[in-house]
Amino acid sequence: MAQKPVAIARISRGQLSPVSAWDAELLAELPDGSEFDLVPRSKRSGAHNSLYWVQLGRIVKATVAWPNAQKMHDWIKLRLGYVSPIFGPKGDVVGMTIDSTAFDKMKQADFNAYHEAAIQLIAAELGIDVADL
């Protein structure tokens, strides 16, 4: 099952606040009293990650080719080969899983390369220049 996007927050003077407007929107959708297990993130760019998700959201809205940004994200990872094999008991490949781009799974340099490849894929297959969004 694909990993659902999560809001990113930053601690400052003992208070948590969303890193971007997109993160604030995700948090606003949660009911009051929600509790969380907080996991510190690497120094990967929250702004870069948020930009990526905003871009996907705009493309989904404009094209209606996917029901949501997460489904488009899965398509991008699959098309770019961010997958790992699932092996059966006899060592044969019985399926594939889509890899994660989560902060704890991908360093910033790797995300830079991934994002650039995603932009190129979107331009090639959808004819959309992401810079115009």
Protein backbone atom coordinates (compact mmCIF):
# COMPACT_ATOMS: atom_id res chain seq x y z
CA MET A 1 0.00 0.00 0.00
CA ALA A 2 1.32 3.46 -0.89
CA GLN A 3 2.45 5.70 1.89
CA LYS A 4 0.08 8.63 2.43
CA PRO A 5 1.69 12.09 2.41
CA VAL A 6 2.14 13.55 5.86
CA ALA A 7 2.36 17.12 7.07
CA ILE A 8 5.78 18.41 8.03
CA ALA A 9 6.17 20.66 11.04
CA ARG A 10 9.11 22.53 12.52
CA ILE A 11 9.72 23.21 16.20
CA SER A 12 10.57 26.76 17.16
CA ARG A 13 10.63 28.06 20.74
CA GLY A 14 8.90 24.90 21.89
CA GLN A 15 5.98 25.22 19.43
CA LEU A 16 5.25 23.15 16.33
CA SER A 17 4.19 24.94 13.15
CA PRO A 18 3.65 23.72 9.58
CA VAL A 19 6.61 24.14 7.23
CA SER A 20 4.48 25.18 4.23
CA ALA A 21 0.96 26.15 3.25
CA TRP A 22 0.43 22.62 1.95
CA ASP A 23 1.42 21.19 5.34
CA ALA A 24 -0.98 23.63 7.02
CA GLU A 25 -3.81 22.41 4.76
CA LEU A 26 -3.13 18.79 5.71
CA LEU A 27 -3.15 19.66 9.40
CA ALA A 28 -6.35 21.71 9.06
CA GLU A 29 -8.15 18.61 7.76
CA LEU A 30 -7.44 16.70 10.99
CA PRO A 31 -9.91 16.74 13.89
CA ASP A 32 -9.11 18.68 17.05
CA GLY A 33 -7.42 16.53 19.65
CA SER A 34 -5.48 14.43 17.10
CA GLU A 35 -2.29 13.00 18.57
CA PHE A 36 0.92 12.17 16.74
CA ASP A 37 4.11 10.19 17.06
CA LEU A 38 6.78 12.71 16.12
CA VAL A 39 9.87 11.52 14.28
CA PRO A 40 12.72 13.95 13.65
CA ARG A 41 13.52 14.34 9.96
CA SER A 42 16.80 14.60 8.15
CA LYS A 43 17.96 17.92 6.82
CA ARG A 44 16.21 17.29 3.54
CA SER A 45 14.45 20.37 2.24
CA GLY A 46 10.89 20.56 3.43
CA ALA A 47 10.31 23.44 1.01
CA HIS A 48 11.52 21.32 -1.92
CA ASN A 49 9.31 18.42 -0.88
CA SER A 50 6.32 20.76 -0.51
CA LEU A 51 7.00 22.29 -3.93
CA TYR A 52 6.90 18.80 -5.46
CA TRP A 53 3.52 18.02 -3.85
CA VAL A 54 2.06 21.39 -4.85
CA GLN A 55 3.16 20.75 -8.43
CA LEU A 56 1.54 17.32 -8.43
CA GLY A 57 -1.66 18.74 -6.95
CA ARG A 58 -1.88 21.38 -9.66
CA ILE A 59 -1.28 18.83 -12.41
CA VAL A 60 -3.92 16.47 -10.98
CA LYS A 61 -6.40 19.34 -10.81
CA ALA A 62 -5.64 20.47 -14.36
CA THR A 63 -5.61 17.05 -16.01
CA VAL A 64 -7.93 14.91 -13.87
CA ALA A 65 -5.76 12.00 -15.05
CA TRP A 66 -5.37 10.79 -11.44
CA PRO A 67 -7.80 10.99 -8.52
CA ASN A 68 -5.18 12.63 -6.29
CA ALA A 69 -1.52 13.64 -6.04
CA GLN A 70 -0.58 10.42 -4.22
CA LYS A 71 -1.75 8.31 -7.19
CA MET A 72 0.24 10.51 -9.58
CA HIS A 73 3.27 10.19 -7.28
CA ASP A 74 2.95 6.39 -7.44
CA TRP A 75 2.73 6.56 -11.25
CA ILE A 76 5.89 8.70 -11.41
CA LYS A 77 7.85 6.35 -9.14
CA LEU A 78 6.72 3.33 -11.14
CA ARG A 79 7.55 4.91 -14.51
CA LEU A 80 10.97 6.07 -13.25
CA GLY A 81 11.82 2.61 -11.91
CA TYR A 82 11.71 3.39 -8.20
CA VAL A 83 10.62 -0.17 -7.46
CA SER A 84 11.95 -3.21 -5.63
CA PRO A 85 11.27 -6.86 -6.41
CA ILE A 86 9.28 -9.16 -4.17
CA PHE A 87 10.80 -12.63 -4.18
CA GLY A 88 8.90 -15.87 -3.79
CA PRO A 89 10.10 -18.88 -1.77
CA LYS A 90 12.07 -20.24 -4.74
CA GLY A 91 13.85 -16.97 -5.43
CA ASP A 92 11.63 -15.97 -8.32
CA VAL A 93 10.25 -12.44 -8.62
CA VAL A 94 6.53 -12.57 -7.85
CA GLY A 95 5.81 -8.85 -7.84
CA MET A 96 7.15 -5.38 -7.28
CA THR A 97 6.75 -2.74 -4.59
CA ILE A 98 7.00 0.99 -5.22
CA ASP A 99 9.88 2.58 -3.31
CA SER A 100 9.42 5.50 -0.93
CA THR A 101 10.66 9.06 -1.29
CA ALA A 102 10.05 9.74 2.42
CA PHE A 103 12.58 11.86 4.27
CA ASP A 104 13.95 8.84 6.11
CA LYS A 105 14.26 6.84 2.86
CA MET A 106 15.79 9.34 0.44
CA LYS A 107 18.55 11.89 0.97
CA GLN A 108 18.27 15.40 -0.45
CA ALA A 109 20.69 14.74 -3.32
CA ASP A 110 18.66 11.67 -4.32
CA PHE A 111 15.42 13.65 -4.09
CA ASN A 112 16.94 16.36 -6.31
CA ALA A 113 17.65 13.75 -8.99
CA TYR A 114 14.22 12.16 -8.52
CA HIS A 115 12.41 15.51 -8.81
CA GLU A 116 14.34 16.46 -11.95
CA ALA A 117 13.53 13.09 -13.52
CA ALA A 118 9.86 13.50 -12.53
CA ILE A 119 9.74 16.93 -14.21
CA GLN A 120 11.24 15.44 -17.37
CA LEU A 121 8.75 12.55 -17.31
CA ILE A 122 5.82 14.95 -16.89
CA ALA A 123 7.05 17.07 -19.81
CA ALA A 124 7.62 14.04 -22.04
CA GLU A 125 4.42 12.14 -21.30
CA LEU A 126 1.96 14.94 -20.48
CA GLY A 127 3.43 17.87 -22.40
CA ILE A 128 3.39 20.00 -19.24
CA ASP A 129 6.21 22.37 -18.38
CA VAL A 130 6.20 22.25 -14.58
CA ALA A 131 7.87 25.68 -14.49
CA ASP A 132 4.61 27.14 -15.86
CA LEU A 133 2.59 25.94 -12.88
